[in-house]
Amino acid sequence: MGSKPLRAVLLAGGLGTRLAPYTMVFPKPLVPLGDMPIMEIVLRQLNWYGVGSAFISVGHLAPLIEAYFLTRGPFEGMEISYLRENEPLGTAGALAMLENQEDDLLVCNGDILTTLDFGAIVAHHREQKAALTIGVHTKNIRVDLGVLGVDEGGRVTGYVEKPTNSYECSMGAYVYSPAALKMIEPGRRLDFPDLVLRLLERGDKVVAYRSDCYWMDIGRPEDYARAAQDFAGMRPQLLPDEGPGGSGAGVEQEVPDRLL
């Protein structure tokens, strides 16, 4: 995938209001799963995949995030830096603070628990020559009610009892090309959906990378409870750097071809 180590940004500046009251005094990316916060799990995955530089975009309760990783020490082979938002810049705006806008960039939400193959999504992005690639997961939503079809005159045209609808949803993992990064104005708030629409309006190529991997967005208390349970049972898949023994220390592991 090229000689340059890939860069990544973890988005960790949000308020995490859906996970209140935990996030009133604690940034959501530091909410623990087992013996470590969710964002450390993501960073360790990126490190294992060969990411050379990781930037953490921080805003809400930023000093707690910075203090935590200062005490954790360096990740072998990966440098960690910070993009500090003095004012909220949205889910894409902080990326304009990066000095280098000339290389592809892997971007992840700092609060997702997933077995996504980060090497594969980057490879797909480059094979497609895309301006932007979005990791996509199919989400099945069941409506626990009878759903009616009703026309403008009030006449019932159909009835489905407790239907399940499928949607292709963003996983919170993206690959940006330089062209997409240069669409972001420094110091201006920009949310990711607005950036996608701007790219589409300009005729740029935005593609999906579909994956049936495990994926959990830790947005609500019930999601957090499920993620904590899943992490306990899926730790070897979620932390490949630990190896089969579970500790990671002294465990030699074969490097896969997909390594970035």
Protein backbone atom coordinates (compact mmCIF):
# COMPACT_ATOMS: atom_id res chain seq x y z
CA MET A 1 0.00 0.00 0.00
CA GLY A 2 2.90 2.34 -0.50
CA SER A 3 6.03 3.16 1.47
CA LYS A 4 4.60 5.95 3.66
CA PRO A 5 3.11 4.92 7.00
CA LEU A 6 -0.58 5.76 6.97
CA ARG A 7 -1.92 8.56 9.17
CA ALA A 8 -5.15 8.34 11.14
CA VAL A 9 -7.40 10.70 13.08
CA LEU A 10 -9.64 9.64 15.97
CA LEU A 11 -12.61 11.93 16.55
CA ALA A 12 -13.00 12.45 20.29
CA GLY A 13 -14.26 16.00 20.69
CA GLY A 14 -18.00 15.42 21.03
CA LEU A 15 -20.14 15.89 24.12
CA GLY A 16 -21.49 12.32 24.17
CA THR A 17 -24.91 13.52 25.32
CA ARG A 18 -26.66 10.24 24.47
CA LEU A 19 -24.47 8.43 26.99
CA ALA A 20 -25.28 10.81 29.86
CA PRO A 21 -24.89 10.81 32.82
CA TYR A 22 -21.53 9.04 32.35
CA THR A 23 -20.28 11.75 29.99
CA MET A 24 -21.10 14.68 32.26
CA VAL A 25 -17.70 14.31 33.93
CA PHE A 26 -16.03 11.76 31.65
CA PRO A 27 -15.32 12.00 27.89
CA LYS A 28 -17.09 9.19 26.05
CA PRO A 29 -13.92 7.80 24.38
CA LEU A 30 -12.53 7.11 27.86
CA VAL A 31 -15.54 5.06 28.98
CA PRO A 32 -14.00 1.69 29.94
CA LEU A 33 -14.58 -1.70 28.40
CA GLY A 34 -12.94 -4.25 30.63
CA ASP A 35 -9.59 -2.87 31.72
CA MET A 36 -9.21 -0.08 29.15
CA PRO A 37 -11.18 2.73 27.51
CA ILE A 38 -12.78 2.21 24.13
CA MET A 39 -10.41 4.68 22.42
CA GLU A 40 -7.36 2.74 23.57
CA ILE A 41 -8.81 -0.34 21.91
CA VAL A 42 -9.17 1.57 18.62
CA LEU A 43 -5.63 2.99 18.89
CA ARG A 44 -4.18 -0.44 19.54
CA GLN A 45 -5.99 -1.79 16.49
CA LEU A 46 -4.65 1.02 14.31
CA ASN A 47 -1.16 0.47 15.69
CA TRP A 48 -1.36 -3.24 14.83
CA TYR A 49 -2.47 -2.40 11.30
CA GLY A 50 0.62 -0.24 10.82
CA VAL A 51 -0.65 3.32 11.27
CA GLY A 52 2.43 5.48 11.82
CA SER A 53 0.84 8.69 13.12
CA ALA A 54 -2.42 9.02 15.03
CA PHE A 55 -4.02 12.38 15.77
CA ILE A 56 -6.74 12.62 18.40
CA SER A 57 -9.24 15.43 17.81
CA VAL A 58 -10.20 16.68 21.27
CA GLY A 59 -12.60 19.27 22.64
CA HIS A 60 -14.95 18.28 25.48
CA LEU A 61 -12.91 17.35 28.60
CA ALA A 62 -9.75 17.24 26.46
CA PRO A 63 -7.30 17.39 29.40
CA LEU A 64 -8.59 14.05 30.70
CA ILE A 65 -7.94 12.35 27.35
CA GLU A 66 -4.47 13.84 27.04
CA ALA A 67 -3.57 12.97 30.64
CA TYR A 68 -4.69 9.36 30.19
CA PHE A 69 -2.53 8.68 27.16
CA LEU A 70 0.40 10.52 28.70
CA THR A 71 0.37 8.02 31.54
CA ARG A 72 -0.08 5.07 29.18
CA GLY A 73 3.17 5.88 27.39
CA PRO A 74 3.94 5.58 23.67
CA PHE A 75 2.51 2.95 21.34
CA GLU A 76 5.37 1.13 19.64
CA GLY A 77 5.87 2.47 16.10
CA MET A 78 3.02 5.01 16.34
CA GLU A 79 3.24 8.67 17.27
CA ILE A 80 0.20 10.24 18.98
CA SER A 81 -0.57 13.96 18.59
CA TYR A 82 -3.63 16.14 19.25
CA LEU A 83 -5.90 18.42 17.23
CA ARG A 84 -7.33 20.79 19.83
CA GLU A 85 -10.72 22.38 19.09
CA ASN A 86 -11.14 25.68 20.91
CA GLU A 87 -14.70 25.73 19.58
CA PRO A 88 -16.66 22.71 18.30
CA LEU A 89 -15.78 22.18 14.63
CA GLY A 90 -18.20 19.35 13.85
CA THR A 91 -17.41 15.82 12.72
CA ALA A 92 -15.17 16.90 9.84
CA GLY A 93 -14.01 20.46 10.55
CA ALA A 94 -11.07 19.56 12.80
CA LEU A 95 -9.31 17.76 9.93
CA ALA A 96 -8.40 21.14 8.42
CA MET A 97 -5.91 21.55 11.27
CA LEU A 98 -3.68 18.85 9.79
CA GLU A 99 -0.58 20.35 8.19
CA ASN A 100 -0.20 17.57 5.61
CA GLN A 101 -3.12 17.53 3.17
CA GLU A 102 -1.33 15.53 0.46
CA ASP A 103 -1.80 11.93 1.61
CA ASP A 104 -4.74 9.62 2.26
CA LEU A 105 -6.11 9.77 5.79
CA LEU A 106 -7.94 7.12 7.82
CA VAL A 107 -10.53 8.68 10.14
CA CYS A 108 -12.45 6.86 12.91
CA ASN A 109 -14.88 7.80 15.60
CA GLY A 110 -13.18 7.32 18.94
CA ASP A 111 -16.08 5.34 20.42
CA ILE A 112 -16.68 2.42 18.06
CA LEU A 113 -16.04 -1.22 18.93
CA THR A 114 -15.38 -3.17 15.75
CA THR A 115 -13.41 -5.92 14.04
CA LEU A 116 -13.30 -3.90 10.82
CA ASP A 117 -10.30 -4.73 8.61
CA PHE A 118 -8.70 -1.30 8.40
CA GLY A 119 -6.21 -2.52 5.81
CA ALA A 120 -9.01 -3.67 3.53
CA ILE A 121 -10.94 -0.39 3.67
CA VAL A 122 -7.80 1.57 2.76
CA ALA A 123 -7.05 -0.85 -0.09
CA HIS A 124 -10.63 -0.49 -1.38
CA HIS A 125 -10.36 3.31 -1.26
CA ARG A 126 -7.18 3.27 -3.33
CA GLU A 127 -8.42 0.67 -5.81
CA GLN A 128 -11.55 2.76 -6.41
CA LYS A 129 -9.52 5.99 -6.67
CA ALA A 130 -12.20 7.56 -4.49
CA ALA A 131 -12.33 11.04 -3.03
CA LEU A 132 -13.93 9.55 0.08
CA THR A 133 -14.67 6.03 1.28
CA ILE A 134 -17.23 5.29 3.98
CA GLY A 135 -17.26 2.07 5.98
CA VAL A 136 -20.80 0.70 5.75
CA HIS A 137 -22.61 -1.86 7.88
CA THR A 138 -26.13 -3.21 7.36
CA LYS A 139 -28.37 -2.44 10.31
CA ASN A 140 -31.68 -4.24 10.73
CA ILE A 141 -34.28 -2.21 12.63
CA ARG A 142 -37.43 -3.93 13.87
CA VAL A 143 -40.56 -1.87 14.40
CA ASP A 144 -42.50 -3.47 17.24
CA LEU A 145 -45.83 -2.15 15.97
CA GLY A 146 -48.21 -2.77 13.13
CA VAL A 147 -47.24 -0.44 10.26
CA LEU A 148 -49.91 0.79 7.88
CA GLY A 149 -49.79 2.17 4.38
CA VAL A 150 -52.28 5.07 4.18
CA ASP A 151 -53.01 7.22 1.12
CA GLU A 152 -53.76 10.96 1.12
CA GLY A 153 -57.48 10.33 1.51
CA GLY A 154 -57.00 8.25 4.65
CA ARG A 155 -57.67 4.91 2.97
CA VAL A 156 -55.57 2.02 4.28
CA THR A 157 -53.57 0.47 1.42
CA GLY A 158 -51.50 -2.06 3.32
CA TYR A 159 -50.61 -3.48 6.71
CA VAL A 160 -47.38 -5.11 7.92
CA GLU A 161 -47.10 -6.46 11.45
CA LYS A 162 -43.81 -5.66 13.18
CA PRO A 163 -41.69 -5.26 10.06
CA THR A 164 -37.89 -5.32 9.97
CA ASN A 165 -36.23 -2.74 7.75
CA SER A 166 -32.60 -2.87 6.61
CA TYR A 167 -30.41 0.20 6.22
CA GLU A 168 -26.84 0.67 5.08
CA CYS A 169 -25.31 2.77 7.85
CA SER A 170 -22.04 4.60 8.28
CA MET A 171 -19.76 2.76 10.70
CA GLY A 172 -17.84 5.87 11.72
CA ALA A 173 -14.74 4.77 9.76
CA TYR A 174 -13.64 6.67 6.66
CA VAL A 175 -10.75 7.15 4.26
CA TYR A 176 -10.21 10.68 2.94
CA SER A 177 -8.23 11.54 -0.16
CA PRO A 178 -6.34 14.86 -0.39
CA ALA A 179 -9.17 16.18 -2.60
CA ALA A 180 -11.70 15.60 0.20
CA LEU A 181 -9.45 17.11 2.86
CA LYS A 182 -9.01 20.28 0.83
CA MET A 183 -12.80 20.79 0.83
CA ILE A 184 -12.63 21.56 4.56
CA GLU A 185 -12.10 25.22 5.45
CA PRO A 186 -9.80 25.93 8.42
CA GLY A 187 -11.62 27.26 11.47
CA ARG A 188 -15.09 26.61 10.05
CA ARG A 189 -17.51 24.09 11.51
CA LEU A 190 -18.33 21.24 9.13
CA ASP A 191 -20.19 18.03 9.84
CA PHE A 192 -19.43 14.86 7.91
CA PRO A 193 -22.87 14.54 6.20
CA ASP A 194 -22.47 18.08 4.82
CA LEU A 195 -19.03 17.23 3.46
CA VAL A 196 -20.43 14.14 1.72
CA LEU A 197 -23.16 16.21 0.07
CA ARG A 198 -20.63 18.83 -1.09
CA LEU A 199 -18.45 16.16 -2.66
CA LEU A 200 -21.45 14.62 -4.42
CA GLU A 201 -22.59 18.01 -5.70
CA ARG A 202 -19.12 18.60 -7.11
CA GLY A 203 -19.21 15.23 -8.86
CA ASP A 204 -16.46 13.63 -6.78
CA LYS A 205 -16.41 9.88 -6.28
CA VAL A 206 -17.72 8.77 -2.88
CA VAL A 207 -17.81 5.02 -2.34
CA ALA A 208 -18.96 2.57 0.31
CA TYR A 209 -16.88 -0.22 1.77
CA ARG A 210 -19.38 -2.84 2.92
CA SER A 211 -18.38 -5.09 5.78
CA ASP A 212 -20.20 -7.75 7.78
CA CYS A 213 -17.68 -7.44 10.62
CA TYR A 214 -18.68 -7.00 14.23
CA TRP A 215 -19.56 -3.35 14.87
CA MET A 216 -21.06 -1.50 17.80
CA ASP A 217 -21.56 2.27 18.05
CA ILE A 218 -21.39 3.09 21.76
CA GLY A 219 -23.96 5.86 21.75
CA ARG A 220 -26.56 4.87 24.35
CA PRO A 221 -26.37 3.22 27.79
CA GLU A 222 -27.81 -0.03 26.41
CA ASP A 223 -25.15 -0.02 23.63
CA TYR A 224 -22.43 0.46 26.24
CA ALA A 225 -23.73 -2.45 28.32
CA ARG A 226 -23.80 -4.70 25.24
CA ALA A 227 -20.32 -3.58 24.13
CA ALA A 228 -18.86 -4.33 27.58
CA GLN A 229 -20.32 -7.84 27.45
CA ASP A 230 -19.13 -8.43 23.87
CA PHE A 231 -15.61 -7.18 24.58
CA ALA A 232 -15.20 -9.72 27.36
CA GLY A 233 -16.06 -12.56 24.98
CA MET A 234 -14.36 -11.20 21.83
CA ARG A 235 -11.12 -9.79 23.21
CA PRO A 236 -8.78 -11.87 20.96
CA GLN A 237 -10.59 -10.66 17.81
CA LEU A 238 -10.76 -7.04 18.98
CA LEU A 239 -7.15 -6.84 20.21
CA PRO A 240 -5.05 -8.83 17.73
CA ASP A 241 -1.86 -7.35 19.20
CA GLU A 242 -2.38 -9.46 22.32
CA GLY A 243 -2.05 -12.68 20.36
CA PRO A 244 -3.56 -16.04 21.33
CA GLY A 245 -2.22 -15.76 24.88
CA GLY A 246 -4.25 -12.65 25.63
CA SER A 247 -1.47 -10.50 27.08
CA GLY A 248 0.45 -9.34 24.05
CA ALA A 249 3.73 -9.32 25.94
CA GLY A 250 6.35 -11.46 24.24
CA VAL A 251 3.83 -12.97 21.82
CA GLU A 252 5.11 -13.17 18.27
CA GLN A 253 2.35 -12.86 15.70
CA GLU A 254 2.43 -13.43 11.97
CA VAL A 255 2.05 -10.18 10.08
CA PRO A 256 -0.81 -10.50 7.56
CA ASP A 257 -0.57 -9.31 3.96
CA ARG A 258 -3.25 -6.71 4.65
CA LEU A 259 -1.05 -4.81 7.13
CA LEU A 260 -0.91 -1.11 6.14
